[in-house]
Amino acid sequence: MKLILKDGYVYSSGEFHKQTLCINGGTVSCLENTPEHDGFSVVVDCSSYCIFPGFTDVHVHFREPGFSYKETVKTGSLASARGGFTDVCTMPNLNPAPDCMFTLQKQLDIIKKDAVINVHPFATITMGQMGGGQLSKMEEMSEFCIGYSDDGRGVQSDETMEEAMKKAKELGKIISAHCEVNDLLYGGYIHDGEYARLHGHKGICSESEWKQVERDLKLVEKIGCKYHVCHISTKETVELIRQAKARGLDVTCETAPHYLIMNDMMLEEDGRFKMNPPIRSEEDRKALVEGLVDGTIDMIATDHAPHSAEEKARGLAESNMGVVGIETSFAAMYTNLVKTGVITLEKLIEVMHTNPSKRFGIEKGIAEGKTADLTVFDLNAKYKIDPAEFLSMGKATPFKDKEVYGKCLLTMCNGKIAYNGGLIKEN
């Protein structure tokens, strides 16, 4: 069967073109005219839709092995496809943690069996993902992991991080750092700001993030490794990374939709508003948006972090850290940043596809002769976000009931349909 996507607005080579795409045997070709119906082709009118290269999320949690009651590789990858993603990088908060080839292989076996999109696992920086002590078996895993991270905790020891950076440089891999100074947390669980003071909550200070970023950037300047900062949330972090880039350091960073859209005064007494780092002040939010606009922030990642309903039903103080976002990321960003004129649609595709793909060595795109890794969106579709419709096992999102535009109608990965949202009619 050939699939013909007729007259779509196709994003290719950095701009949109009105094009007809033919996917035959999983490979893309661009057609000048739609062929006559030949009985072997499915022709879909895409004249009202946009066709993007599949998105890349460099920060997700699929929870398997070890925590399959929260999410599995299968459910996480299905949810990703529904969000328009064809490539995701999974964090190593697992049991066992992928700190050597034996434990990483357990995850790779599940990915091979169950994933409907491309899943690229991070290996840990330290043994047991403890944030210190002995380094993981970085060399033996280098061929099979996308990079190294101890996401969920910062590497507390300067010496350990320096040693890890040297090894990563030697292997030509990236360090993706969760930056958090444990000694500055003081039992906090939301931002140390106005909402915390008004409602009697323990706060997490901004310095707990930016202080470790500051340390790591000094090490990067000394060592010269590839370095990426996870889920930045503070104005100070934005400025530190801006200055580091001006000095020519090999540094990138990500932020997530909730940090760009929300401030701490939008919190509610509900676990679906609790994540790490926390949603911060309006001043921080504005600095993040400015950093996205000027290129200091390279990419959008979701930090998709599913938990069970019970684990998220204990309010702000007692719920687990983490919210889901893989199925809402594009719509949230398109509605709040593109439709409001803050950034262009081209910029959004740059930070959700081009930049993360290039940085992490999984470059793709829509072009003649390439494998079909693409997603089709109806940007005029307006709806309320309903977690009950999620394919993810996690349902806790701060965007529940928010009205958004942009619905995924189809995602193809490796030339196969990973998600059909009604674009192709079933017989």
Protein backbone atom coordinates (compact mmCIF):
# COMPACT_ATOMS: atom_id res chain seq x y z
CA MET A 1 0.00 0.00 0.00
CA LYS A 2 1.13 3.50 -0.84
CA LEU A 3 0.02 6.38 1.37
CA ILE A 4 -0.35 9.73 -0.36
CA LEU A 5 -0.63 12.83 1.82
CA LYS A 6 -2.05 15.33 -0.63
CA ASP A 7 -1.35 19.08 -0.59
CA GLY A 8 -0.15 19.40 3.01
CA TYR A 9 1.87 22.28 4.44
CA VAL A 10 5.13 20.36 4.78
CA TYR A 11 8.00 21.59 6.96
CA SER A 12 11.23 20.71 5.21
CA SER A 13 14.70 22.32 5.13
CA GLY A 14 13.65 25.00 7.60
CA GLU A 15 10.50 26.24 5.89
CA PHE A 16 6.98 25.27 4.85
CA HIS A 17 6.07 24.13 1.35
CA LYS A 18 2.73 23.10 -0.12
CA GLN A 19 3.54 19.54 -1.12
CA THR A 20 2.12 16.11 -1.80
CA LEU A 21 4.05 13.30 -0.14
CA CYS A 22 4.00 9.67 -1.16
CA ILE A 23 5.08 7.06 1.35
CA ASN A 24 5.82 3.82 -0.43
CA GLY A 25 7.60 0.99 1.34
CA GLY A 26 8.19 3.38 4.23
CA THR A 27 10.14 5.85 2.08
CA VAL A 28 9.15 9.43 1.25
CA SER A 29 8.90 10.85 -2.24
CA CYS A 30 7.53 14.25 -3.23
CA LEU A 31 4.98 14.34 -6.01
CA GLU A 32 4.09 17.18 -8.35
CA ASN A 33 0.62 15.80 -8.97
CA THR A 34 -1.57 13.30 -7.19
CA PRO A 35 -1.70 10.13 -9.25
CA GLU A 36 -4.91 8.66 -10.48
CA HIS A 37 -6.47 6.22 -8.04
CA ASP A 38 -4.80 2.88 -8.78
CA GLY A 39 -6.37 0.66 -6.18
CA PHE A 40 -3.09 0.36 -4.31
CA SER A 41 -2.90 3.87 -2.89
CA VAL A 42 -4.62 5.52 0.05
CA VAL A 43 -4.99 9.23 -0.78
CA VAL A 44 -5.61 11.62 2.11
CA ASP A 45 -6.48 15.28 1.60
CA CYS A 46 -4.06 17.21 3.86
CA SER A 47 -4.75 20.66 2.42
CA SER A 48 -5.93 21.90 5.83
CA TYR A 49 -3.12 20.25 7.78
CA CYS A 50 0.57 20.70 8.59
CA ILE A 51 3.07 17.89 8.14
CA PHE A 52 6.06 18.14 10.46
CA PRO A 53 9.11 15.94 10.89
CA GLY A 54 8.56 13.76 13.94
CA PHE A 55 9.38 15.58 17.17
CA THR A 56 12.27 14.63 19.45
CA ASP A 57 12.01 14.75 23.25
CA VAL A 58 15.36 14.35 24.99
CA HIS A 59 13.91 13.94 28.49
CA VAL A 60 11.22 11.36 29.27
CA HIS A 61 10.60 8.66 31.87
CA PHE A 62 9.09 5.35 30.71
CA ARG A 63 9.62 3.64 34.09
CA GLU A 64 10.57 0.21 32.76
CA PRO A 65 12.18 -1.92 34.08
CA GLY A 66 11.27 -1.55 37.72
CA PHE A 67 8.20 0.68 37.88
CA SER A 68 5.81 -0.63 35.23
CA TYR A 69 2.80 0.25 37.40
CA LYS A 70 3.55 3.90 36.52
CA GLU A 71 4.34 3.54 32.79
CA THR A 72 5.77 1.00 30.38
CA VAL A 73 7.87 1.37 27.26
CA LYS A 74 4.79 0.36 25.28
CA THR A 75 2.39 2.89 26.84
CA GLY A 76 5.01 5.64 26.93
CA SER A 77 5.92 5.19 23.28
CA LEU A 78 2.26 5.06 22.24
CA ALA A 79 1.63 8.28 24.16
CA SER A 80 4.66 9.84 22.49
CA ALA A 81 3.38 8.93 19.04
CA ARG A 82 0.03 10.51 19.94
CA GLY A 83 1.96 13.68 20.78
CA GLY A 84 3.74 13.69 17.41
CA PHE A 85 7.06 12.29 18.65
CA THR A 86 9.13 9.74 16.75
CA ASP A 87 12.25 9.89 18.96
CA VAL A 88 12.56 10.12 22.72
CA CYS A 89 15.46 9.80 25.16
CA THR A 90 14.62 7.94 28.35
CA MET A 91 16.10 8.82 31.70
CA PRO A 92 17.73 6.12 33.87
CA ASN A 93 15.53 6.37 36.98
CA LEU A 94 14.90 2.63 36.78
CA ASN A 95 15.36 -0.55 38.77
CA PRO A 96 17.92 -1.75 38.03
CA ALA A 97 19.49 1.53 37.00
CA PRO A 98 21.37 1.19 33.68
CA ASP A 99 24.85 1.61 35.12
CA CYS A 100 26.54 -1.26 33.27
CA MET A 101 25.88 -3.23 30.10
CA PHE A 102 24.09 -6.01 31.96
CA THR A 103 21.48 -3.67 33.43
CA LEU A 104 21.21 -1.48 30.31
CA GLN A 105 20.52 -4.60 28.24
CA LYS A 106 17.38 -5.28 30.28
CA GLN A 107 15.98 -1.95 29.12
CA LEU A 108 17.17 -2.43 25.54
CA ASP A 109 15.39 -5.77 25.33
CA ILE A 110 12.09 -4.21 26.41
CA ILE A 111 12.53 -1.33 23.95
CA LYS A 112 13.18 -3.74 21.08
CA LYS A 113 10.08 -5.76 21.96
CA ASP A 114 7.54 -3.05 22.80
CA ALA A 115 8.44 0.43 21.50
CA VAL A 116 6.40 1.84 18.60
CA ILE A 117 8.81 4.76 18.12
CA ASN A 118 12.58 5.21 18.49
CA VAL A 119 13.58 5.09 22.17
CA HIS A 120 17.15 6.11 23.01
CA PRO A 121 18.14 5.33 26.61
CA PHE A 122 20.44 7.39 28.81
CA ALA A 123 22.86 5.44 30.97
CA THR A 124 23.70 6.65 34.46
CA ILE A 125 26.68 8.80 35.35
CA THR A 126 27.31 6.98 38.63
CA MET A 127 26.87 3.40 39.82
CA GLY A 128 23.37 2.96 41.19
CA GLN A 129 22.53 6.49 40.00
CA MET A 130 23.56 7.74 43.42
CA GLY A 131 24.85 11.14 42.30
CA GLY A 132 28.31 10.43 43.66
CA GLY A 133 30.92 7.80 44.28
CA GLN A 134 32.01 5.41 41.56
CA LEU A 135 31.31 6.17 37.91
CA SER A 136 29.09 3.84 35.96
CA LYS A 137 30.59 1.53 33.36
CA MET A 138 30.45 4.39 30.87
CA GLU A 139 32.75 2.90 28.25
CA GLU A 140 31.04 -0.46 27.88
CA MET A 141 27.63 1.25 27.45
CA SER A 142 28.76 4.05 25.12
CA GLU A 143 27.68 2.35 21.89
CA PHE A 144 24.21 1.63 23.22
CA CYS A 145 23.21 4.82 25.08
CA ILE A 146 22.42 8.34 23.93
CA GLY A 147 24.46 9.89 26.73
CA TYR A 148 24.87 9.91 30.51
CA SER A 149 22.63 11.37 33.20
CA ASP A 150 21.81 10.89 36.87
CA ASP A 151 18.49 12.63 36.33
CA GLY A 152 16.46 12.91 39.49
CA ARG A 153 19.48 13.97 41.51
CA GLY A 154 22.42 16.23 40.90
CA VAL A 155 25.97 14.91 41.00
CA GLN A 156 27.04 16.40 44.33
CA SER A 157 30.77 15.78 44.15
CA ASP A 158 32.83 18.18 42.04
CA GLU A 159 35.46 15.48 41.60
CA THR A 160 32.92 12.90 40.41
CA MET A 161 31.45 15.29 37.85
CA GLU A 162 34.88 16.28 36.59
CA GLU A 163 35.83 12.63 36.20
CA ALA A 164 32.55 11.92 34.38
CA MET A 165 33.06 14.83 31.99
CA LYS A 166 36.56 13.66 31.14
CA LYS A 167 35.29 10.17 30.38
CA ALA A 168 32.34 11.46 28.35
CA LYS A 169 34.70 13.62 26.29
CA GLU A 170 36.94 10.64 25.64
CA LEU A 171 33.92 8.63 24.45
CA GLY A 172 32.43 11.48 22.41
CA LYS A 173 29.19 11.40 24.40
CA ILE A 174 27.11 14.05 26.15
CA ILE A 175 26.54 14.68 29.86
CA SER A 176 22.89 15.61 30.48
CA ALA A 177 22.77 17.08 33.96
CA HIS A 178 20.00 17.40 36.49
CA CYS A 179 21.40 20.34 38.45
CA GLU A 180 20.44 20.41 42.12
CA VAL A 181 22.46 21.09 45.25
CA ASN A 182 21.07 18.83 47.97
CA ASP A 183 22.34 21.04 50.80
CA LEU A 184 20.12 23.89 49.56
CA LEU A 185 16.83 21.97 49.42
CA TYR A 186 15.85 22.21 53.12
CA GLY A 187 12.93 19.83 52.64
CA GLY A 188 11.25 22.06 50.05
CA TYR A 189 8.82 20.78 47.46
CA ILE A 190 7.52 23.85 45.55
CA HIS A 191 9.20 27.11 44.56
CA ASP A 192 10.35 29.30 47.43
CA GLY A 193 8.14 32.16 46.35
CA GLU A 194 4.91 34.00 46.99
CA TYR A 195 2.59 30.98 46.80
CA ALA A 196 4.70 29.02 49.29
CA ARG A 197 4.65 31.92 51.75
CA LEU A 198 0.91 32.52 51.39
CA HIS A 199 0.00 28.86 51.86
CA GLY A 200 2.60 27.72 54.37
CA HIS A 201 4.57 25.41 52.09
CA LYS A 202 8.28 24.62 52.21
CA GLY A 203 10.09 26.18 49.28
CA ILE A 204 12.92 25.13 46.98
CA CYS A 205 15.23 28.09 46.39
CA SER A 206 16.42 29.00 42.89
CA GLU A 207 20.04 28.78 44.01
CA SER A 208 19.70 25.01 44.42
CA GLU A 209 19.53 24.85 40.61
CA TRP A 210 21.75 27.62 39.32
CA LYS A 211 24.58 27.04 41.80
CA GLN A 212 25.27 23.59 40.37
CA VAL A 213 24.92 24.87 36.80
CA GLU A 214 27.55 27.47 37.68
CA ARG A 215 29.87 24.74 39.00
CA ASP A 216 29.37 22.52 35.96
CA LEU A 217 30.02 25.32 33.50
CA LYS A 218 33.39 25.95 35.11
CA LEU A 219 34.20 22.27 34.67
CA VAL A 220 33.06 22.34 31.04
CA GLU A 221 35.35 25.31 30.41
CA LYS A 222 38.22 23.33 31.93
CA ILE A 223 37.52 20.00 30.23
CA GLY A 224 35.74 20.82 26.98
CA CYS A 225 33.09 18.10 26.98
CA LYS A 226 29.60 18.20 25.46
CA TYR A 227 27.23 19.33 28.21
CA HIS A 228 23.45 19.68 28.36
CA VAL A 229 21.37 21.09 31.23
CA CYS A 230 18.03 19.43 31.94
CA HIS A 231 14.75 21.24 32.64
CA ILE A 232 16.04 24.73 33.51
CA SER A 233 13.60 26.84 35.53
CA THR A 234 15.32 29.98 36.86
CA LYS A 235 16.32 33.34 35.44
CA GLU A 236 19.82 32.92 36.87
CA THR A 237 20.31 29.65 34.97
CA VAL A 238 19.25 31.32 31.72
CA GLU A 239 21.84 34.04 32.20
CA LEU A 240 24.61 31.59 33.14
CA ILE A 241 24.00 29.57 29.97
CA ARG A 242 23.77 32.71 27.86
CA GLN A 243 27.19 33.79 29.11
CA ALA A 244 28.64 30.30 28.65
CA LYS A 245 27.54 30.23 25.03
CA ALA A 246 29.05 33.67 24.49
CA ARG A 247 32.36 32.19 25.71
CA GLY A 248 32.06 29.42 23.14
CA LEU A 249 31.39 26.51 25.49
CA ASP A 250 29.78 23.38 24.04
CA VAL A 251 26.61 23.84 26.10
CA THR A 252 22.91 23.37 25.40
CA CYS A 253 19.84 23.32 27.59
CA GLU A 254 16.16 22.49 27.66
CA THR A 255 13.08 23.72 29.43
CA ALA A 256 9.56 22.33 29.62
CA PRO A 257 6.15 23.75 28.61
CA HIS A 258 4.94 24.22 32.20
CA TYR A 259 7.89 26.50 33.03
CA LEU A 260 7.21 28.67 29.96
CA ILE A 261 3.47 28.96 30.52
CA MET A 262 2.91 28.97 34.28
CA ASN A 263 4.16 30.78 37.36
CA ASP A 264 3.92 29.77 41.01
CA MET A 265 0.82 31.86 41.62
CA MET A 266 -1.04 29.53 39.23
CA LEU A 267 -0.48 26.54 41.50
CA GLU A 268 -3.34 24.68 43.11
CA GLU A 269 -3.36 22.38 46.13
CA ASP A 270 -3.07 19.35 43.87
CA GLY A 271 -0.27 16.91 43.10
CA ARG A 272 -0.60 17.57 39.36
CA PHE A 273 1.22 20.86 39.98
CA LYS A 274 4.22 19.27 41.69
CA MET A 275 7.41 18.58 39.77
CA ASN A 276 11.17 19.00 40.18
CA PRO A 277 12.36 21.63 39.56
CA PRO A 278 9.20 23.46 40.56
CA ILE A 279 7.20 26.01 38.60
CA ARG A 280 8.79 29.30 39.63
CA SER A 281 7.99 33.03 39.66
CA GLU A 282 6.61 35.17 36.85
CA GLU A 283 10.02 36.83 36.60
CA ASP A 284 11.59 33.43 36.01
CA ARG A 285 8.93 32.50 33.47
CA LYS A 286 9.55 35.67 31.47
CA ALA A 287 13.31 35.06 31.52
CA LEU A 288 12.76 31.54 30.19
CA VAL A 289 10.58 32.84 27.36
CA GLU A 290 13.22 35.45 26.52
CA GLY A 291 15.86 32.71 26.53
CA LEU A 292 13.78 30.61 24.17
CA VAL A 293 13.27 33.54 21.81
CA ASP A 294 16.95 34.56 21.69
CA GLY A 295 18.28 31.00 21.35
CA THR A 296 19.81 30.62 24.81
CA ILE A 297 17.35 27.78 25.40
CA ASP A 298 17.84 25.27 22.61
CA MET A 299 14.93 22.91 22.96
CA ILE A 300 11.64 21.99 24.56
CA ALA A 301 11.58 18.72 26.49
CA THR A 302 8.66 17.48 28.53
CA ASP A 303 10.28 15.64 31.47
CA HIS A 304 7.29 13.32 31.02
CA ALA A 305 7.19 11.68 34.46
CA PRO A 306 4.17 9.43 35.07
CA HIS A 307 3.15 8.21 38.52
CA SER A 308 0.18 6.24 39.77
CA ALA A 309 -3.03 8.07 40.65
CA GLU A 310 -2.46 7.31 44.33
CA GLU A 311 1.07 8.75 44.25
CA LYS A 312 -0.25 12.03 42.82
CA ALA A 313 -3.32 12.33 45.08
CA ARG A 314 -1.52 13.49 48.23
CA GLY A 315 -1.46 17.25 47.63
CA LEU A 316 1.58 19.44 47.09
CA ALA A 317 3.41 18.37 50.22
CA GLU A 318 3.15 14.59 49.92
CA SER A 319 2.65 13.73 46.23
CA ASN A 320 5.51 12.36 44.15
CA MET A 321 7.45 14.82 42.02
CA GLY A 322 6.62 14.67 38.32
CA VAL A 323 3.89 15.34 35.76
CA VAL A 324 3.09 13.98 32.32
CA GLY A 325 3.45 16.06 29.18
CA ILE A 326 4.30 14.06 26.07
CA GLU A 327 0.74 14.20 24.68
CA THR A 328 0.19 17.90 25.37
CA SER A 329 3.56 19.50 24.60
CA PHE A 330 2.97 20.68 21.05
CA ALA A 331 -0.58 21.91 21.66
CA ALA A 332 0.43 23.77 24.82
CA MET A 333 3.35 25.48 23.08
CA TYR A 334 1.45 26.23 19.88
CA THR A 335 -1.51 27.72 21.77
CA ASN A 336 0.43 29.77 24.29
CA LEU A 337 3.49 30.87 22.32
CA VAL A 338 2.76 30.63 18.58
CA LYS A 339 -0.86 31.78 18.46
CA THR A 340 0.02 34.66 20.81
CA GLY A 341 2.86 35.80 18.54
CA VAL A 342 5.72 35.12 20.96
CA ILE A 343 7.48 32.75 18.56
CA THR A 344 6.81 31.54 15.03
CA LEU A 345 5.64 28.07 14.10
CA GLU A 346 9.01 27.56 12.42
CA LYS A 347 10.73 28.35 15.72
CA LEU A 348 8.55 25.85 17.54
CA ILE A 349 9.53 23.08 15.11
CA GLU A 350 13.16 24.12 15.53
CA VAL A 351 13.05 23.62 19.32
CA MET A 352 10.89 20.48 19.22
CA HIS A 353 12.60 18.74 16.31
CA THR A 354 15.65 20.31 14.68
CA ASN A 355 17.75 21.36 17.66
CA PRO A 356 17.22 18.31 19.89
CA SER A 357 17.70 15.92 16.97
CA LYS A 358 20.92 17.58 15.89
CA ARG A 359 22.35 17.93 19.39
CA PHE A 360 21.78 14.28 20.28
CA GLY A 361 22.85 12.86 16.94
CA ILE A 362 19.47 11.62 15.70
CA GLU A 363 19.08 14.00 12.78
CA LYS A 364 16.09 13.36 10.59
CA GLY A 365 13.70 15.31 8.43
CA ILE A 366 11.24 15.10 5.59
CA ALA A 367 13.06 14.74 2.28
CA GLU A 368 13.05 12.73 -0.91
CA GLY A 369 14.32 9.20 -0.32
CA LYS A 370 14.26 9.38 3.49
CA THR A 371 12.36 7.03 5.75
CA ALA A 372 9.00 8.44 6.80
CA ASP A 373 9.36 9.90 10.30
CA LEU A 374 6.65 12.52 10.34
CA THR A 375 3.53 13.75 12.05
CA VAL A 376 0.37 15.39 10.72
CA PHE A 377 -1.41 18.07 12.78
CA ASP A 378 -4.67 19.95 12.44
CA LEU A 379 -3.76 23.36 13.87
CA ASN A 380 -7.37 24.53 13.78
CA ALA A 381 -8.65 21.72 16.00
CA LYS A 382 -9.73 23.22 19.32
CA TYR A 383 -10.30 21.06 22.39
CA LYS A 384 -9.89 20.79 26.14
CA ILE A 385 -7.10 18.64 27.50
CA ASP A 386 -8.68 15.58 29.08
CA PRO A 387 -6.28 13.21 30.90
CA ALA A 388 -8.87 10.43 30.59
CA GLU A 389 -8.00 10.32 26.88
CA PHE A 390 -4.25 9.95 27.44
CA LEU A 391 -2.53 6.82 26.20
CA SER A 392 0.04 7.31 28.96
CA MET A 393 -0.70 5.49 32.21
CA GLY A 394 0.07 8.78 33.98
CA LYS A 395 -2.76 11.32 34.12
CA ALA A 396 -1.34 14.12 36.31
CA THR A 397 -0.95 17.27 34.21
CA PRO A 398 -1.13 20.95 35.18
CA PHE A 399 -2.85 21.54 31.83
CA LYS A 400 -5.98 19.55 32.67
CA ASP A 401 -9.10 21.21 31.20
CA LYS A 402 -7.03 23.89 29.44
CA GLU A 403 -8.34 24.81 26.00
CA VAL A 404 -5.74 24.32 23.29
CA TYR A 405 -5.30 24.19 19.52
CA GLY A 406 -3.39 21.59 17.54
CA LYS A 407 -4.39 17.94 17.31
CA CYS A 408 -2.21 15.09 16.10
CA LEU A 409 -3.90 13.12 13.33
CA LEU A 410 -1.10 10.77 12.33
CA THR A 411 2.45 9.85 13.34
CA MET A 412 4.71 7.65 11.23
CA CYS A 413 7.98 6.29 12.56
CA ASN A 414 10.48 4.24 10.57
CA GLY A 415 8.00 4.22 7.70
CA LYS A 416 5.20 2.65 9.76
CA ILE A 417 2.09 4.13 11.33
CA ALA A 418 2.73 4.57 15.05
CA TYR A 419 -0.44 6.53 15.76
CA ASN A 420 -3.57 7.10 13.69
CA GLY A 421 -5.74 9.84 15.12
CA GLY A 422 -8.42 9.47 12.48
CA LEU A 423 -6.55 10.71 9.40
CA ILE A 424 -6.61 7.29 7.73
CA LYS A 425 -10.06 5.77 7.78
CA GLU A 426 -10.18 2.21 8.98
CA ASN A 427 -12.01 -0.29 6.76
